[in-house]
Structure formats: structure tokens, C-alpha cells
Protein backbone atom coordinates (compact mmCIF):
# COMPACT_ATOMS: atom_id res chain seq x y z
CA MET A 1 -36.70 -12.76 -30.76
CA ALA A 2 -33.50 -11.49 -30.79
CA PRO A 3 -33.39 -9.14 -27.98
CA LYS A 4 -33.23 -4.84 -29.12
CA PRO A 5 -29.63 -3.88 -28.99
CA GLU A 6 -28.31 -1.40 -25.89
CA ARG A 7 -29.52 1.93 -26.64
CA LEU A 8 -27.22 4.88 -24.32
CA GLN A 9 -28.14 7.98 -23.98
CA PHE A 10 -26.00 10.95 -24.47
CA HIS A 11 -26.12 14.60 -26.04
CA GLY A 12 -29.49 13.81 -26.21
CA GLU A 13 -28.91 10.89 -28.34
CA SER A 14 -30.77 7.51 -28.19
CA LEU A 15 -27.76 5.17 -30.47
CA THR A 16 -27.03 2.10 -30.12
CA MET A 17 -23.15 0.91 -28.73
CA LYS A 18 -22.26 -0.08 -32.35
CA GLU A 19 -23.47 3.43 -33.33
CA TRP A 20 -21.76 5.31 -30.91
CA CYS A 21 -18.43 3.33 -31.19
CA ALA A 22 -18.70 3.64 -35.47
CA ARG A 23 -19.08 7.67 -34.56
CA LEU A 24 -16.24 8.65 -31.54
CA GLY A 25 -13.83 6.14 -33.15
CA VAL A 26 -13.79 3.59 -30.20
CA SER A 27 -14.30 -0.09 -29.18
CA LYS A 28 -17.27 -1.42 -27.96
CA ASN A 29 -14.85 -3.53 -25.30
CA ALA A 30 -13.45 -0.26 -24.27
CA ILE A 31 -16.69 1.55 -23.48
CA ARG A 32 -18.34 -2.19 -21.78
CA GLU A 33 -15.26 -1.68 -19.75
CA ARG A 34 -15.41 1.40 -18.72
CA LEU A 35 -19.18 1.35 -17.46
CA ALA A 36 -18.61 -2.23 -16.07
CA SER A 37 -15.90 0.10 -13.57
CA GLY A 38 -18.48 2.27 -12.99
CA TRP A 39 -18.26 4.65 -15.36
CA SER A 40 -20.81 7.49 -16.02
CA VAL A 41 -21.88 6.75 -20.12
CA GLU A 42 -21.71 10.45 -20.57
CA ARG A 43 -18.27 9.57 -19.71
CA ALA A 44 -17.45 6.24 -20.95
CA LEU A 45 -18.52 8.12 -24.08
CA SER A 46 -16.83 11.35 -24.01
CA GLU A 47 -13.02 9.58 -23.19
CA PRO A 48 -10.95 10.01 -26.32
CA ALA A 49 -10.00 5.98 -27.62
CA PRO A 50 -7.19 5.43 -25.77
CA PRO A 51 -3.96 4.19 -27.40
CA LYS A 52 -3.15 1.16 -28.94
CA LEU A 53 -2.53 -0.71 -25.91
CA PRO A 54 1.40 -2.41 -26.41
CA ARG A 55 1.71 -6.02 -25.79
CA LYS A 56 4.34 -6.13 -24.91
CA ILE A 57 7.19 -4.29 -23.01
CA GLY A 58 10.90 -4.75 -23.80
CA ASN A 59 11.08 -8.54 -24.39
CA ARG A 60 8.04 -9.47 -22.03
CA GLY A 61 3.79 -9.75 -22.68
CA VAL A 62 2.76 -6.62 -20.07
CA ASP A 63 1.14 -9.11 -17.83
CA GLU A 64 4.22 -10.23 -16.80
CA ILE A 65 6.40 -7.46 -16.22
CA PRO A 66 6.71 -7.53 -12.78
CA GLU A 67 4.53 -4.38 -12.19
CA HIS A 68 1.53 -5.38 -13.74
CA VAL A 69 1.68 -8.28 -11.18
CA ASN A 70 1.51 -6.44 -8.60
CA TRP A 71 -1.69 -4.37 -10.17
CA ARG A 72 -3.52 -7.78 -10.70
CA GLY A 73 -2.85 -8.46 -7.25
CA MET A 74 -4.27 -5.46 -6.06
CA MET A 75 -7.14 -5.90 -8.84
CA ASP A 76 -7.98 -9.29 -7.23
CA ARG A 77 -7.93 -8.13 -3.30
CA CYS A 78 -10.46 -5.70 -3.95
CA PHE A 79 -12.55 -6.93 -6.11
CA SER A 80 -12.20 -10.52 -6.47
CA VAL A 81 -14.66 -12.49 -3.87
CA LYS A 82 -11.91 -15.89 -4.69
CA HIS A 83 -8.64 -14.08 -3.33
CA SER A 84 -7.76 -15.29 0.11
CA ASP A 85 -7.27 -11.35 1.19
CA TYR A 86 -9.81 -9.78 -0.13
CA GLN A 87 -12.30 -10.13 3.01
CA ASN A 88 -9.81 -7.16 4.49
CA TYR A 89 -10.19 -5.35 1.19
CA GLY A 90 -13.16 -5.29 -0.93
CA GLY A 91 -14.65 -6.82 1.53
CA ARG A 92 -13.96 -3.94 3.79
CA GLY A 93 -14.52 -1.53 1.54
CA ILE A 94 -11.35 -0.63 -0.25
CA THR A 95 -11.77 -0.48 -3.74
CA VAL A 96 -9.09 0.69 -6.99
CA CYS A 97 -10.24 4.26 -7.96
CA GLU A 98 -11.73 4.20 -11.99
CA GLU A 99 -8.83 5.45 -13.71
CA TRP A 100 -7.09 2.16 -13.00
CA ARG A 101 -9.23 -0.19 -14.00
CA GLY A 102 -9.65 -2.43 -16.83
CA SER A 103 -6.45 -2.90 -19.33
CA GLU A 104 -5.90 1.38 -19.86
CA GLY A 105 -6.34 1.42 -16.21
CA PHE A 106 -2.87 -0.47 -15.50
CA PHE A 107 -0.77 2.15 -18.34
CA ARG A 108 -2.42 5.27 -16.19
CA PHE A 109 -2.01 3.31 -12.72
CA LEU A 110 1.62 2.78 -14.18
CA GLU A 111 2.34 6.73 -15.57
CA TYR A 112 0.96 7.53 -12.29
CA ILE A 113 2.99 4.95 -9.99
CA GLY A 114 6.11 4.93 -12.12
CA PRO A 115 8.52 1.79 -12.23
CA LYS A 116 8.85 -0.19 -9.07
CA PRO A 117 12.73 0.99 -7.25
CA SER A 118 13.32 -2.99 -6.73
CA PRO A 119 12.37 -6.40 -6.73
CA GLY A 120 11.04 -6.29 -2.99
CA HIS A 121 8.78 -3.35 -3.46
CA SER A 122 5.39 -3.28 -3.59
CA VAL A 123 1.43 -1.72 -3.63
CA ASP A 124 1.49 0.67 -0.43
CA ARG A 125 -1.97 3.17 0.68
CA TYR A 126 0.03 5.61 2.01
CA PRO A 127 -0.15 7.73 3.81
CA ASN A 128 -3.93 6.80 4.36
CA GLY A 129 -3.41 3.06 5.58
CA GLU A 130 -7.37 3.05 5.62
CA GLY A 131 -7.51 4.20 2.27
CA ASN A 132 -8.60 3.25 -1.26
CA TYR A 133 -5.84 2.58 -4.28
CA GLU A 134 -6.11 5.96 -5.65
CA PRO A 135 -3.69 8.88 -6.78
CA GLY A 136 -2.24 10.49 -3.55
CA ASN A 137 -2.87 7.32 -0.85
CA VAL A 138 -0.03 4.39 -3.22
CA ARG A 139 3.57 4.71 -3.70
CA TRP A 140 6.12 1.56 -3.96
CA ALA A 141 7.05 0.18 -0.80
CA THR A 142 9.25 -2.58 0.88
CA ALA A 143 8.17 -4.86 3.90
CA THR A 144 8.99 -2.90 6.90
CA GLU A 145 7.58 0.24 5.37
CA GLN A 146 5.01 -1.30 4.82
CA SER A 147 3.85 -3.19 8.42
CA ARG A 148 5.02 -0.22 9.72
CA ASN A 149 2.35 1.48 7.72
CA ARG A 150 -0.43 -1.02 8.85
CA SER A 151 -3.93 -0.27 10.58
CA CYS A 152 -2.68 -2.61 13.47
CA THR A 153 0.40 -0.56 13.69
CA ARG A 154 0.84 1.63 16.84
CA ARG A 155 1.02 4.82 17.36
CA ILE A 156 2.35 6.47 19.53
CA THR A 157 2.82 10.52 20.29
CA LEU A 158 5.33 11.97 22.58
CA GLY A 159 7.35 15.38 22.74
CA GLY A 160 4.45 16.56 19.81
CA ARG A 161 6.06 13.54 17.60
CA THR A 162 4.37 10.54 16.43
CA GLN A 163 5.68 7.59 14.92
CA CYS A 164 4.84 3.67 15.46
CA LEU A 165 6.36 1.90 18.14
CA ALA A 166 8.63 0.37 15.63
CA GLU A 167 10.47 4.25 15.12
CA TRP A 168 10.59 4.70 18.07
CA CYS A 169 12.58 1.94 19.47
CA SER A 170 14.80 2.15 16.60
CA GLU A 171 15.15 5.76 17.16
CA LEU A 172 15.38 5.03 20.94
CA GLY A 173 17.89 2.25 20.73
CA ILE A 174 15.63 -0.10 22.69
CA SER A 175 13.89 -3.64 22.83
CA TYR A 176 10.71 -3.17 20.22
CA ALA A 177 9.68 -6.83 22.09
CA LEU A 178 10.75 -5.95 25.48
CA ALA A 179 8.43 -2.17 24.91
CA TYR A 180 5.60 -4.38 23.01
CA SER A 181 5.19 -6.91 26.17
CA ARG A 182 5.13 -4.04 28.81
CA ILE A 183 2.12 -2.43 26.21
CA ARG A 184 0.56 -5.94 25.74
CA ARG A 185 0.73 -6.48 29.75
CA GLY A 186 -1.40 -2.54 30.13
CA GLN A 187 1.21 -0.21 30.21
CA SER A 188 0.98 2.70 28.15
CA PRO A 189 2.24 3.22 25.04
CA ALA A 190 4.87 6.46 26.50
CA ALA A 191 5.61 4.89 29.92
CA ALA A 192 6.17 1.25 28.76
CA LEU A 193 8.81 3.15 25.84
CA GLU A 194 10.22 5.31 29.09
CA TRP A 195 10.49 2.59 31.34
CA VAL A 196 12.58 0.42 28.68
CA GLU A 197 15.23 3.61 28.36
CA ALA A 198 15.39 2.96 31.60
CA THR A 199 16.48 -0.50 31.98
CA ARG A 200 18.78 0.13 28.98
CA ASP A 201 20.26 2.79 31.17
CA LEU A 202 20.33 0.79 33.70
CA GLU A 203 21.68 -2.20 31.78
CA ARG A 204 24.85 0.80 30.62
CA GLU A 205 25.61 1.63 33.91
CA ASP A 206 25.99 -1.73 35.53
CA GLU A 207 28.06 -3.32 32.70
CA GLU A 208 30.24 -0.28 33.58
CA HIS A 209 30.36 -0.31 37.06
CA ALA A 210 31.24 -4.33 36.30
CA ALA A 211 33.85 -3.14 34.13
CA ASP A 212 35.52 -0.66 37.04
CA ARG A 213 35.19 -4.12 39.25
CA GLN A 214 37.19 -5.53 36.89
CA ARG A 215 39.53 -2.95 36.54
CA VAL A 216 40.17 -2.70 39.67
CA ASP A 217 40.02 -6.27 40.35
CA ARG A 218 43.87 -6.59 38.37
CA ASP A 219 44.33 -3.22 40.08
CA MET A 220 44.88 -5.07 43.37
CA GLY A 221 46.01 -8.33 41.66
CA ARG A 222 49.35 -6.14 40.22
CA VAL A 223 49.64 -4.45 43.79
CA ALA A 224 48.99 -7.58 45.45
């Protein structure tokens, strides 16, 4: 005996998927995809039928453009247990908002975030590196920008300003490796930065004194 068609309750009516599709002009696949993405029945049925999605953008298939590759990677990290980074994303509860899931979701994502500025950019969760992929928390970012936004990046507050260690070192003109090694050895971040900065100033003074001694030696040589 064939199973009964799935019925969906909406606005006090109970109809099969096929009947709702005929009435609303939305395909079965679209409704199923919306429900699988976590949409409520009410929302899945009341959302207007999506526009016909292009199979190509320019002379490329949609799944070949760089933005789709990044979107696919974002989805796989959050939902595919076979992905090598799943444990750091989906395995930690990080997810993608409902609006950006499924074939319709890619175009909503692209409309929100816009084209990639360069091949070196990828999707970054910002400003909340521990948050989800959702409006208000994504951007295109370079590898350097992303490394500064990772949850493992050390944030340091000095003089009422908070930056990661790399940003402080860049601003102060000091060695990141030296500051990081001092922190690893138990020194507070503020003390480590002050120590490295002081060491840098002493090295500059030593270099200046050495240059002065060389000039004096040259002058003494001329007098002799």
C-alpha cells in the first residue's frame, strides 16, 4: 500500500505538498529545501516563489564562480561532518542563517555580501569571531585580517584601546615573535609589550652610541 502524501497545515487548511505547490506556484523542491533548512511551515509556504535562478553568471556556471566556492565551503564547514574543519565549526555549534541556505540562499548571501574584492579574500565571521554566518557578522577578508579575528588571537587592552597582539606590535614597531615569547613565558601582555618596546629603545641608543664612537674614532684618526 502506497504511503499517504505528506500534508501540511497552513491557515487552517490541510493540503498535500502537491496541492500547496499548485495553489502557491512554488515548486516542491523549493518548499522541501526551505523546510530542510529549518524554516517553519508557515514561512516556507508564505514566502513568494523564488525567481528563476540563473545557471550561469557571465560565461561560468554558478557553482564555478569564486563566491559560490566560498559559500559552498562555508556551508560544508557548518553542516558536513565529513569536512576536515567541521569540528571547528558545525561541531562547535556554528551555523549559517536560514536565509543563506539552499540554492536560493546562495543568491541572498551574494546580494548581502557582494562580490569578492580579490582572489585573496574569503568569508570571515566579523566582528564576532565566535558567532554564526549571518547578516551583520560576515565580511570578505584577507588571510591576515582573518588571523587577527580568530578566537585564538590574543586581545590586549592598553590605554583604553583593545587590539590583537599583532596590531600592537605593528603600531609600536616592535617584534611580534619577541613579545609573544615573553607572554608564553608568563609575562602579562602589557608588561611584555613595554619590555620589548624598552629593549628596542635601548638597542637604538646602543646603535646611536656605537655610531658616535665610530665618528670619534675617525676624527681622532684624522688628528693623529
